[in-house]
Amino acid sequence: MESMNSMNDWIRVFHPAPEAPARLLVFPHAGGAAGAYYALSAEVTGPLEPLLVQYPGRHDRFREPFAERIDDVVDAVLNALPADPAGRPLALFGHSMGATVAYEAARRLQERGETPAALFVSGREGPSLPPALRWPSDPTDAELIADMRLLAGTENELLTEPTLLELILPALRADYRMLFAHTHRPGPRLHCPLIALTGDNDPRVAVPRVAAWEPETTGPFTTHVLAGGHFYLDEHLAYVVEVITGAVSGAAAGRSVG
């Protein structure tokens, strides 16, 4: 089992890197936990110090009630984010639902005069678009399991294990309820680089809908379309890490010059 350092309830640090020139705040997908991004954390460590968000209601926070509003998650995470004595740049990464949370966190940081070094949105359509899918307010277990199979692109035998499903389904149901209750509010555009990543065979996110992120920033916008489905990240971790570290290094260098 991986070692874990908890800065506080909301932030997990698997690979401390206080000498890294920048930090990366990672927001998991719906139903996900910080541990799902352990491999990403390991690979970006050095150029970056990864800080992974742990949502309530899972793993070591399983006794806590699930979050009900994305805005509340954003407030809690940013309040829990420790001050950095070195004033290092902070970049944000989010996958699927996490992309929405990361985007709202980036907007909140900019409002506070702390525009992030870069925002990475993965496996998620642009926020101004109407969702391609609307879930019932209380999906059944069968609907959630079918959706997990669709997004995973496999008949994963773990999804037939009752004990595991008892752990997974409540968090997923709560996160979907929170996600689909969230409404995009138009506002000032971001000023940081915005990098969108997606799989070319994602059953939930069509590639053209990913381009709708571009109007959300006045900064540079780039898209990376990789072979795979919704969880393409598992197969292309090295490439994604290169994208993240390269973009953050470039943004940090631009700030120092400016």
C-alpha atoms as a PDB file:
ATOM      1  CA  MET A   1       0.000   0.000   0.000  1.00  0.00           C
ATOM      2  CA  GLU A   2       1.315   3.407  -0.921  1.00  0.00           C
ATOM      3  CA  SER A   3       2.470   5.757   1.780  1.00  0.00           C
ATOM      4  CA  MET A   4       0.322   8.787   2.306  1.00  0.00           C
ATOM      5  CA  ASN A   5       0.984  12.152   3.852  1.00  0.00           C
ATOM      6  CA  SER A   6      -2.144  14.145   4.683  1.00  0.00           C
ATOM      7  CA  MET A   7      -1.622  17.892   4.731  1.00  0.00           C
ATOM      8  CA  ASN A   8      -5.236  18.108   5.975  1.00  0.00           C
ATOM      9  CA  ASP A   9      -8.595  16.479   5.287  1.00  0.00           C
ATOM     10  CA  TRP A  10      -8.730  17.728   1.690  1.00  0.00           C
ATOM     11  CA  ILE A  11      -5.147  17.442   0.446  1.00  0.00           C
ATOM     12  CA  ARG A  12      -3.050  14.285   0.033  1.00  0.00           C
ATOM     13  CA  VAL A  13       0.668  14.281  -0.731  1.00  0.00           C
ATOM     14  CA  PHE A  14       1.994  10.891  -1.811  1.00  0.00           C
ATOM     15  CA  HIS A  15       5.309  12.270  -3.066  1.00  0.00           C
ATOM     16  CA  PRO A  16       6.470  15.386  -1.207  1.00  0.00           C
ATOM     17  CA  ALA A  17       8.709  17.583  -3.329  1.00  0.00           C
ATOM     18  CA  PRO A  18       9.268  20.867  -1.481  1.00  0.00           C
ATOM     19  CA  GLU A  19      12.154  21.748  -3.792  1.00  0.00           C
ATOM     20  CA  ALA A  20      10.058  21.408  -6.977  1.00  0.00           C
ATOM     21  CA  PRO A  21       9.695  24.722  -8.825  1.00  0.00           C
ATOM     22  CA  ALA A  22       5.878  24.488  -9.057  1.00  0.00           C
ATOM     23  CA  ARG A  23       2.881  22.693  -7.535  1.00  0.00           C
ATOM     24  CA  LEU A  24       0.079  20.725  -9.205  1.00  0.00           C
ATOM     25  CA  LEU A  25      -3.376  20.445  -7.613  1.00  0.00           C
ATOM     26  CA  VAL A  26      -5.215  17.340  -8.882  1.00  0.00           C
ATOM     27  CA  PHE A  27      -9.018  16.881  -8.785  1.00  0.00           C
ATOM     28  CA  PRO A  28     -10.299  13.293  -9.208  1.00  0.00           C
ATOM     29  CA  HIS A  29     -13.204  12.097 -11.351  1.00  0.00           C
ATOM     30  CA  ALA A  30     -16.703  11.299 -10.063  1.00  0.00           C
ATOM     31  CA  GLY A  31     -16.566   8.428  -7.622  1.00  0.00           C
ATOM     32  CA  GLY A  32     -12.780   8.697  -7.563  1.00  0.00           C
ATOM     33  CA  ALA A  33     -10.335   9.333  -4.773  1.00  0.00           C
ATOM     34  CA  ALA A  34      -6.830  10.732  -4.473  1.00  0.00           C
ATOM     35  CA  GLY A  35      -5.305   7.251  -4.645  1.00  0.00           C
ATOM     36  CA  ALA A  36      -6.524   6.811  -8.220  1.00  0.00           C
ATOM     37  CA  TYR A  37      -3.892   9.377  -9.252  1.00  0.00           C
ATOM     38  CA  TYR A  38      -0.984   7.850  -7.367  1.00  0.00           C
ATOM     39  CA  ALA A  39       0.817   6.930 -10.606  1.00  0.00           C
ATOM     40  CA  LEU A  40       0.380  10.450 -11.993  1.00  0.00           C
ATOM     41  CA  SER A  41       1.672  11.847  -8.718  1.00  0.00           C
ATOM     42  CA  ALA A  42       4.776   9.655  -8.888  1.00  0.00           C
ATOM     43  CA  GLU A  43       5.571  10.623 -12.470  1.00  0.00           C
ATOM     44  CA  VAL A  44       5.214  14.398 -12.162  1.00  0.00           C
ATOM     45  CA  THR A  45       7.180  14.590  -8.927  1.00  0.00           C
ATOM     46  CA  GLY A  46      10.414  16.491  -9.379  1.00  0.00           C
ATOM     47  CA  PRO A  47       9.356  19.126 -11.884  1.00  0.00           C
ATOM     48  CA  LEU A  48       6.195  19.524  -9.770  1.00  0.00           C
ATOM     49  CA  GLU A  49       4.977  18.824  -6.276  1.00  0.00           C
ATOM     50  CA  PRO A  50       1.612  17.066  -6.668  1.00  0.00           C
ATOM     51  CA  LEU A  51      -1.202  17.810  -4.218  1.00  0.00           C
ATOM     52  CA  LEU A  52      -4.151  15.443  -4.646  1.00  0.00           C
ATOM     53  CA  VAL A  53      -7.670  16.334  -3.564  1.00  0.00           C
ATOM     54  CA  GLN A  54      -9.518  13.830  -1.374  1.00  0.00           C
ATOM     55  CA  TYR A  55     -13.280  14.312  -1.562  1.00  0.00           C
ATOM     56  CA  PRO A  56     -15.304  13.435   1.571  1.00  0.00           C
ATOM     57  CA  GLY A  57     -17.188  10.158   1.880  1.00  0.00           C
ATOM     58  CA  ARG A  58     -14.442   7.820   0.661  1.00  0.00           C
ATOM     59  CA  HIS A  59     -11.275   6.088   1.857  1.00  0.00           C
ATOM     60  CA  ASP A  60     -10.041   7.698   5.074  1.00  0.00           C
ATOM     61  CA  ARG A  61     -12.966  10.166   4.916  1.00  0.00           C
ATOM     62  CA  PHE A  62     -15.650   7.513   4.482  1.00  0.00           C
ATOM     63  CA  ARG A  63     -17.512   8.493   7.656  1.00  0.00           C
ATOM     64  CA  GLU A  64     -18.037  12.054   6.401  1.00  0.00           C
ATOM     65  CA  PRO A  65     -21.107  13.094   4.397  1.00  0.00           C
ATOM     66  CA  PHE A  66     -20.655  13.504   0.665  1.00  0.00           C
ATOM     67  CA  ALA A  67     -20.336  17.005  -0.763  1.00  0.00           C
ATOM     68  CA  GLU A  68     -23.516  18.419  -2.288  1.00  0.00           C
ATOM     69  CA  ARG A  69     -22.275  21.453  -4.218  1.00  0.00           C
ATOM     70  CA  ILE A  70     -19.213  21.927  -6.395  1.00  0.00           C
ATOM     71  CA  ASP A  71     -18.868  25.468  -5.091  1.00  0.00           C
ATOM     72  CA  ASP A  72     -18.566  24.081  -1.561  1.00  0.00           C
ATOM     73  CA  VAL A  73     -15.829  21.678  -2.686  1.00  0.00           C
ATOM     74  CA  VAL A  74     -13.937  24.525  -4.349  1.00  0.00           C
ATOM     75  CA  ASP A  75     -14.175  26.692  -1.228  1.00  0.00           C
ATOM     76  CA  ALA A  76     -13.041  23.860   1.037  1.00  0.00           C
ATOM     77  CA  VAL A  77     -10.105  22.835  -1.151  1.00  0.00           C
ATOM     78  CA  LEU A  78      -8.801  26.364  -1.615  1.00  0.00           C
ATOM     79  CA  ASN A  79      -9.190  27.104   2.089  1.00  0.00           C
ATOM     80  CA  ALA A  80      -7.266  23.907   2.850  1.00  0.00           C
ATOM     81  CA  LEU A  81      -4.537  24.587   0.299  1.00  0.00           C
ATOM     82  CA  PRO A  82      -1.451  25.362   2.363  1.00  0.00           C
ATOM     83  CA  ALA A  83       0.368  28.598   1.741  1.00  0.00           C
ATOM     84  CA  ASP A  84       3.634  28.119  -0.082  1.00  0.00           C
ATOM     85  CA  PRO A  85       6.511  30.076   1.504  1.00  0.00           C
ATOM     86  CA  ALA A  86       8.426  30.016  -1.775  1.00  0.00           C
ATOM     87  CA  GLY A  87       5.487  31.439  -3.728  1.00  0.00           C
ATOM     88  CA  ARG A  88       5.729  28.692  -6.326  1.00  0.00           C
ATOM     89  CA  PRO A  89       3.329  28.698  -9.313  1.00  0.00           C
ATOM     90  CA  LEU A  90       0.258  26.501  -8.914  1.00  0.00           C
ATOM     91  CA  ALA A  91      -1.273  24.552 -11.809  1.00  0.00           C
ATOM     92  CA  LEU A  92      -4.579  22.669 -11.706  1.00  0.00           C
ATOM     93  CA  PHE A  93      -5.493  19.312 -13.272  1.00  0.00           C
ATOM     94  CA  GLY A  94      -8.888  17.631 -13.254  1.00  0.00           C
ATOM     95  CA  HIS A  95     -10.304  14.584 -14.979  1.00  0.00           C
ATOM     96  CA  SER A  96     -13.990  14.223 -15.926  1.00  0.00           C
ATOM     97  CA  MET A  97     -15.998  15.746 -13.055  1.00  0.00           C
ATOM     98  CA  GLY A  98     -12.648  16.855 -11.660  1.00  0.00           C
ATOM     99  CA  ALA A  99     -12.148  19.059 -14.724  1.00  0.00           C
ATOM    100  CA  THR A 100     -15.281  21.001 -13.815  1.00  0.00           C
ATOM    101  CA  VAL A 101     -14.132  21.391 -10.218  1.00  0.00           C
ATOM    102  CA  ALA A 102     -10.628  22.412 -11.311  1.00  0.00           C
ATOM    103  CA  TYR A 103     -12.058  24.987 -13.714  1.00  0.00           C
ATOM    104  CA  GLU A 104     -14.223  26.550 -11.000  1.00  0.00           C
ATOM    105  CA  ALA A 105     -11.227  26.549  -8.661  1.00  0.00           C
ATOM    106  CA  ALA A 106      -9.142  28.327 -11.308  1.00  0.00           C
ATOM    107  CA  ARG A 107     -11.827  30.973 -11.674  1.00  0.00           C
ATOM    108  CA  ARG A 108     -11.950  31.461  -7.910  1.00  0.00           C
ATOM    109  CA  LEU A 109      -8.173  31.771  -7.684  1.00  0.00           C
ATOM    110  CA  GLN A 110      -8.160  34.384 -10.442  1.00  0.00           C
ATOM    111  CA  GLU A 111     -10.842  36.365  -8.599  1.00  0.00           C
ATOM    112  CA  ARG A 112      -8.474  36.428  -5.632  1.00  0.00           C
ATOM    113  CA  GLY A 113      -5.618  37.696  -7.770  1.00  0.00           C
ATOM    114  CA  GLU A 114      -3.908  34.297  -7.826  1.00  0.00           C
ATOM    115  CA  THR A 115      -4.311  33.203 -11.445  1.00  0.00           C
ATOM    116  CA  PRO A 116      -2.959  29.644 -11.785  1.00  0.00           C
ATOM    117  CA  ALA A 117       0.054  28.860 -13.941  1.00  0.00           C
ATOM    118  CA  ALA A 118      -2.060  26.546 -16.126  1.00  0.00           C
ATOM    119  CA  LEU A 119      -5.335  24.635 -16.136  1.00  0.00           C
ATOM    120  CA  PHE A 120      -5.527  21.071 -17.483  1.00  0.00           C
ATOM    121  CA  VAL A 121      -9.018  19.734 -18.221  1.00  0.00           C
ATOM    122  CA  SER A 122      -9.254  16.050 -19.098  1.00  0.00           C
ATOM    123  CA  GLY A 123     -12.157  13.988 -20.378  1.00  0.00           C
ATOM    124  CA  ARG A 124     -14.688  16.806 -20.139  1.00  0.00           C
ATOM    125  CA  GLU A 125     -16.626  18.970 -22.602  1.00  0.00           C
ATOM    126  CA  GLY A 126     -16.477  22.764 -22.485  1.00  0.00           C
ATOM    127  CA  PRO A 127     -18.507  24.180 -19.576  1.00  0.00           C
ATOM    128  CA  SER A 128     -20.704  26.452 -21.675  1.00  0.00           C
ATOM    129  CA  LEU A 129     -22.212  23.473 -23.535  1.00  0.00           C
ATOM    130  CA  PRO A 130     -25.353  21.754 -22.293  1.00  0.00           C
ATOM    131  CA  PRO A 131     -24.417  18.340 -20.884  1.00  0.00           C
ATOM    132  CA  ALA A 132     -24.565  15.526 -23.405  1.00  0.00           C
ATOM    133  CA  LEU A 133     -26.175  13.401 -20.696  1.00  0.00           C
ATOM    134  CA  ARG A 134     -28.604  14.156 -17.898  1.00  0.00           C
ATOM    135  CA  TRP A 135     -28.924  11.636 -15.107  1.00  0.00           C
ATOM    136  CA  PRO A 136     -32.031  11.022 -13.013  1.00  0.00           C
ATOM    137  CA  SER A 137     -31.763  12.604  -9.587  1.00  0.00           C
ATOM    138  CA  ASP A 138     -31.370   9.174  -8.012  1.00  0.00           C
ATOM    139  CA  PRO A 139     -29.958   6.648 -10.516  1.00  0.00           C
ATOM    140  CA  THR A 140     -30.345   2.977  -9.724  1.00  0.00           C
ATOM    141  CA  ASP A 141     -27.412   0.711  -8.950  1.00  0.00           C
ATOM    142  CA  ALA A 142     -27.910  -0.990 -12.317  1.00  0.00           C
ATOM    143  CA  GLU A 143     -27.697   2.348 -14.154  1.00  0.00           C
ATOM    144  CA  LEU A 144     -24.513   3.301 -12.347  1.00  0.00           C
ATOM    145  CA  ILE A 145     -22.888  -0.067 -13.004  1.00  0.00           C
ATOM    146  CA  ALA A 146     -23.793   0.110 -16.678  1.00  0.00           C
ATOM    147  CA  ASP A 147     -22.288   3.575 -16.867  1.00  0.00           C
ATOM    148  CA  MET A 148     -19.061   2.421 -15.226  1.00  0.00           C
ATOM    149  CA  ARG A 149     -18.799  -0.399 -17.749  1.00  0.00           C
ATOM    150  CA  LEU A 150     -19.409   2.037 -20.600  1.00  0.00           C
ATOM    151  CA  LEU A 151     -16.739   4.473 -19.455  1.00  0.00           C
ATOM    152  CA  ALA A 152     -14.219   1.779 -18.576  1.00  0.00           C
ATOM    153  CA  GLY A 153     -14.755   0.097 -21.946  1.00  0.00           C
ATOM    154  CA  THR A 154     -14.643  -3.327 -20.362  1.00  0.00           C
ATOM    155  CA  GLU A 155     -16.727  -5.998 -18.689  1.00  0.00           C
ATOM    156  CA  ASN A 156     -14.700  -5.538 -15.534  1.00  0.00           C
ATOM    157  CA  GLU A 157     -15.395  -8.479 -13.263  1.00  0.00           C
ATOM    158  CA  LEU A 158     -14.802  -6.245 -10.251  1.00  0.00           C
ATOM    159  CA  LEU A 159     -18.130  -4.612 -11.060  1.00  0.00           C
ATOM    160  CA  THR A 160     -19.858  -7.844 -10.064  1.00  0.00           C
ATOM    161  CA  GLU A 161     -18.253  -7.921  -6.622  1.00  0.00           C
ATOM    162  CA  PRO A 162     -20.935  -6.844  -4.095  1.00  0.00           C
ATOM    163  CA  THR A 163     -18.496  -5.767  -1.383  1.00  0.00           C
ATOM    164  CA  LEU A 164     -16.618  -3.484  -3.763  1.00  0.00           C
ATOM    165  CA  LEU A 165     -19.816  -2.047  -5.208  1.00  0.00           C
ATOM    166  CA  GLU A 166     -20.990  -1.141  -1.716  1.00  0.00           C
ATOM    167  CA  LEU A 167     -17.931   1.121  -1.488  1.00  0.00           C
ATOM    168  CA  ILE A 168     -18.051   2.561  -5.005  1.00  0.00           C
ATOM    169  CA  LEU A 169     -21.720   3.202  -5.752  1.00  0.00           C
ATOM    170  CA  PRO A 170     -22.620   5.640  -2.938  1.00  0.00           C
ATOM    171  CA  ALA A 171     -19.710   7.965  -3.806  1.00  0.00           C
ATOM    172  CA  LEU A 172     -20.447   7.786  -7.531  1.00  0.00           C
ATOM    173  CA  ARG A 173     -24.156   8.465  -7.012  1.00  0.00           C
ATOM    174  CA  ALA A 174     -23.423  11.451  -4.770  1.00  0.00           C
ATOM    175  CA  ASP A 175     -20.849  12.890  -7.175  1.00  0.00           C
ATOM    176  CA  TYR A 176     -23.195  12.556 -10.149  1.00  0.00           C
ATOM    177  CA  ARG A 177     -25.919  14.285  -8.187  1.00  0.00           C
ATOM    178  CA  MET A 178     -23.515  17.116  -7.356  1.00  0.00           C
ATOM    179  CA  LEU A 179     -22.184  17.371 -10.902  1.00  0.00           C
ATOM    180  CA  PHE A 180     -25.540  17.492 -12.651  1.00  0.00           C
ATOM    181  CA  ALA A 181     -26.905  20.008 -10.158  1.00  0.00           C
ATOM    182  CA  HIS A 182     -24.065  22.379 -11.076  1.00  0.00           C
ATOM    183  CA  THR A 183     -24.888  25.181 -13.499  1.00  0.00           C
ATOM    184  CA  HIS A 184     -22.245  27.041 -15.460  1.00  0.00           C
ATOM    185  CA  ARG A 185     -22.234  30.761 -14.723  1.00  0.00           C
ATOM    186  CA  PRO A 186     -20.703  32.969 -17.423  1.00  0.00           C
ATOM    187  CA  GLY A 187     -18.039  35.311 -16.131  1.00  0.00           C
ATOM    188  CA  PRO A 188     -14.591  36.741 -16.809  1.00  0.00           C
ATOM    189  CA  ARG A 189     -12.364  34.498 -18.844  1.00  0.00           C
ATOM    190  CA  LEU A 190      -9.279  32.931 -17.385  1.00  0.00           C
ATOM    191  CA  HIS A 191      -5.887  34.431 -18.274  1.00  0.00           C
ATOM    192  CA  CYS A 192      -3.799  31.277 -17.961  1.00  0.00           C
ATOM    193  CA  PRO A 193      -2.894  28.594 -20.506  1.00  0.00           C
ATOM    194  CA  LEU A 194      -5.729  26.087 -20.819  1.00  0.00           C
ATOM    195  CA  ILE A 195      -4.859  22.583 -22.017  1.00  0.00           C
ATOM    196  CA  ALA A 196      -7.624  20.102 -22.867  1.00  0.00           C
ATOM    197  CA  LEU A 197      -6.956  16.370 -23.119  1.00  0.00           C
ATOM    198  CA  THR A 198      -9.337  13.640 -24.257  1.00  0.00           C
ATOM    199  CA  GLY A 199      -9.612  10.162 -25.704  1.00  0.00           C
ATOM    200  CA  ASP A 200     -10.639   9.813 -29.331  1.00  0.00           C
ATOM    201  CA  ASN A 201     -13.119   7.066 -28.448  1.00  0.00           C
ATOM    202  CA  ASP A 202     -14.658   8.538 -25.310  1.00  0.00           C
ATOM    203  CA  PRO A 203     -18.317   7.441 -25.267  1.00  0.00           C
ATOM    204  CA  ARG A 204     -19.305  10.454 -23.198  1.00  0.00           C
ATOM    205  CA  VAL A 205     -17.202  13.308 -24.591  1.00  0.00           C
ATOM    206  CA  ALA A 206     -17.103  13.891 -28.353  1.00  0.00           C
ATOM    207  CA  VAL A 207     -13.854  15.490 -29.545  1.00  0.00           C
ATOM    208  CA  PRO A 208     -15.566  18.594 -31.079  1.00  0.00           C
ATOM    209  CA  ARG A 209     -17.150  19.365 -27.705  1.00  0.00           C
ATOM    210  CA  VAL A 210     -13.709  19.528 -26.095  1.00  0.00           C
ATOM    211  CA  ALA A 211     -12.868  22.504 -28.341  1.00  0.00           C
ATOM    212  CA  ALA A 212     -15.567  24.465 -26.493  1.00  0.00           C
ATOM    213  CA  TRP A 213     -13.020  25.063 -23.728  1.00  0.00           C
ATOM    214  CA  GLU A 214     -11.150  27.558 -25.906  1.00  0.00           C
ATOM    215  CA  PRO A 215     -13.407  30.587 -25.197  1.00  0.00           C
ATOM    216  CA  GLU A 216     -12.851  30.130 -21.463  1.00  0.00           C
ATOM    217  CA  THR A 217      -9.388  31.726 -21.523  1.00  0.00           C
ATOM    218  CA  THR A 218      -7.553  34.666 -23.027  1.00  0.00           C
ATOM    219  CA  GLY A 219      -4.355  32.659 -22.729  1.00  0.00           C
ATOM    220  CA  PRO A 220      -3.000  29.957 -25.022  1.00  0.00           C
ATOM    221  CA  PHE A 221      -5.326  27.022 -25.688  1.00  0.00           C
ATOM    222  CA  THR A 222      -4.202  23.598 -26.848  1.00  0.00           C
ATOM    223  CA  THR A 223      -5.943  20.250 -27.293  1.00  0.00           C
ATOM    224  CA  HIS A 224      -4.438  16.774 -27.102  1.00  0.00           C
ATOM    225  CA  VAL A 225      -6.519  13.924 -28.534  1.00  0.00           C
ATOM    226  CA  LEU A 226      -5.145  10.520 -27.581  1.00  0.00           C
ATOM    227  CA  ALA A 227      -6.158   7.027 -28.593  1.00  0.00           C
ATOM    228  CA  GLY A 228      -8.558   5.541 -26.079  1.00  0.00           C
ATOM    229  CA  GLY A 229     -11.774   5.995 -24.190  1.00  0.00           C
ATOM    230  CA  HIS A 230     -12.812   7.977 -21.156  1.00  0.00           C
ATOM    231  CA  PHE A 231      -9.890   6.698 -19.099  1.00  0.00           C
ATOM    232  CA  TYR A 232      -7.297   7.087 -21.852  1.00  0.00           C
ATOM    233  CA  LEU A 233      -4.985   8.438 -19.151  1.00  0.00           C
ATOM    234  CA  ASP A 234      -4.089   4.936 -17.981  1.00  0.00           C
ATOM    235  CA  GLU A 235      -2.554   4.092 -21.368  1.00  0.00           C
ATOM    236  CA  HIS A 236      -0.857   7.417 -22.031  1.00  0.00           C
ATOM    237  CA  LEU A 237       0.478   8.428 -18.639  1.00  0.00           C
ATOM    238  CA  ALA A 238       3.980   9.251 -19.878  1.00  0.00           C
ATOM    239  CA  TYR A 239       2.635  11.524 -22.617  1.00  0.00           C
ATOM    240  CA  VAL A 240       0.224  13.280 -20.254  1.00  0.00           C
ATOM    241  CA  VAL A 241       3.012  13.861 -17.748  1.00  0.00           C
ATOM    242  CA  GLU A 242       5.153  15.385 -20.506  1.00  0.00           C
ATOM    243  CA  VAL A 243       2.300  17.697 -21.477  1.00  0.00           C
ATOM    244  CA  ILE A 244       1.725  18.785 -17.892  1.00  0.00           C
ATOM    245  CA  THR A 245       5.337  19.364 -16.923  1.00  0.00           C
ATOM    246  CA  GLY A 246       6.159  21.093 -20.217  1.00  0.00           C
ATOM    247  CA  ALA A 247       3.225  23.480 -20.041  1.00  0.00           C
ATOM    248  CA  VAL A 248       3.793  24.382 -16.391  1.00  0.00           C
ATOM    249  CA  SER A 249       7.511  24.944 -16.965  1.00  0.00           C
ATOM    250  CA  GLY A 250       6.753  27.168 -19.938  1.00  0.00           C
ATOM    251  CA  ALA A 251       4.142  29.165 -18.063  1.00  0.00           C
ATOM    252  CA  ALA A 252       6.430  29.605 -15.058  1.00  0.00           C
ATOM    253  CA  ALA A 253       9.281  30.743 -17.295  1.00  0.00           C
ATOM    254  CA  GLY A 254       6.986  33.256 -18.963  1.00  0.00           C
ATOM    255  CA  ARG A 255       6.014  34.701 -15.610  1.00  0.00           C
ATOM    256  CA  SER A 256       9.614  35.095 -14.509  1.00  0.00           C
ATOM    257  CA  VAL A 257      10.469  36.904 -17.751  1.00  0.00           C
ATOM    258  CA  GLY A 258       7.402  39.112 -17.483  1.00  0.00           C
END
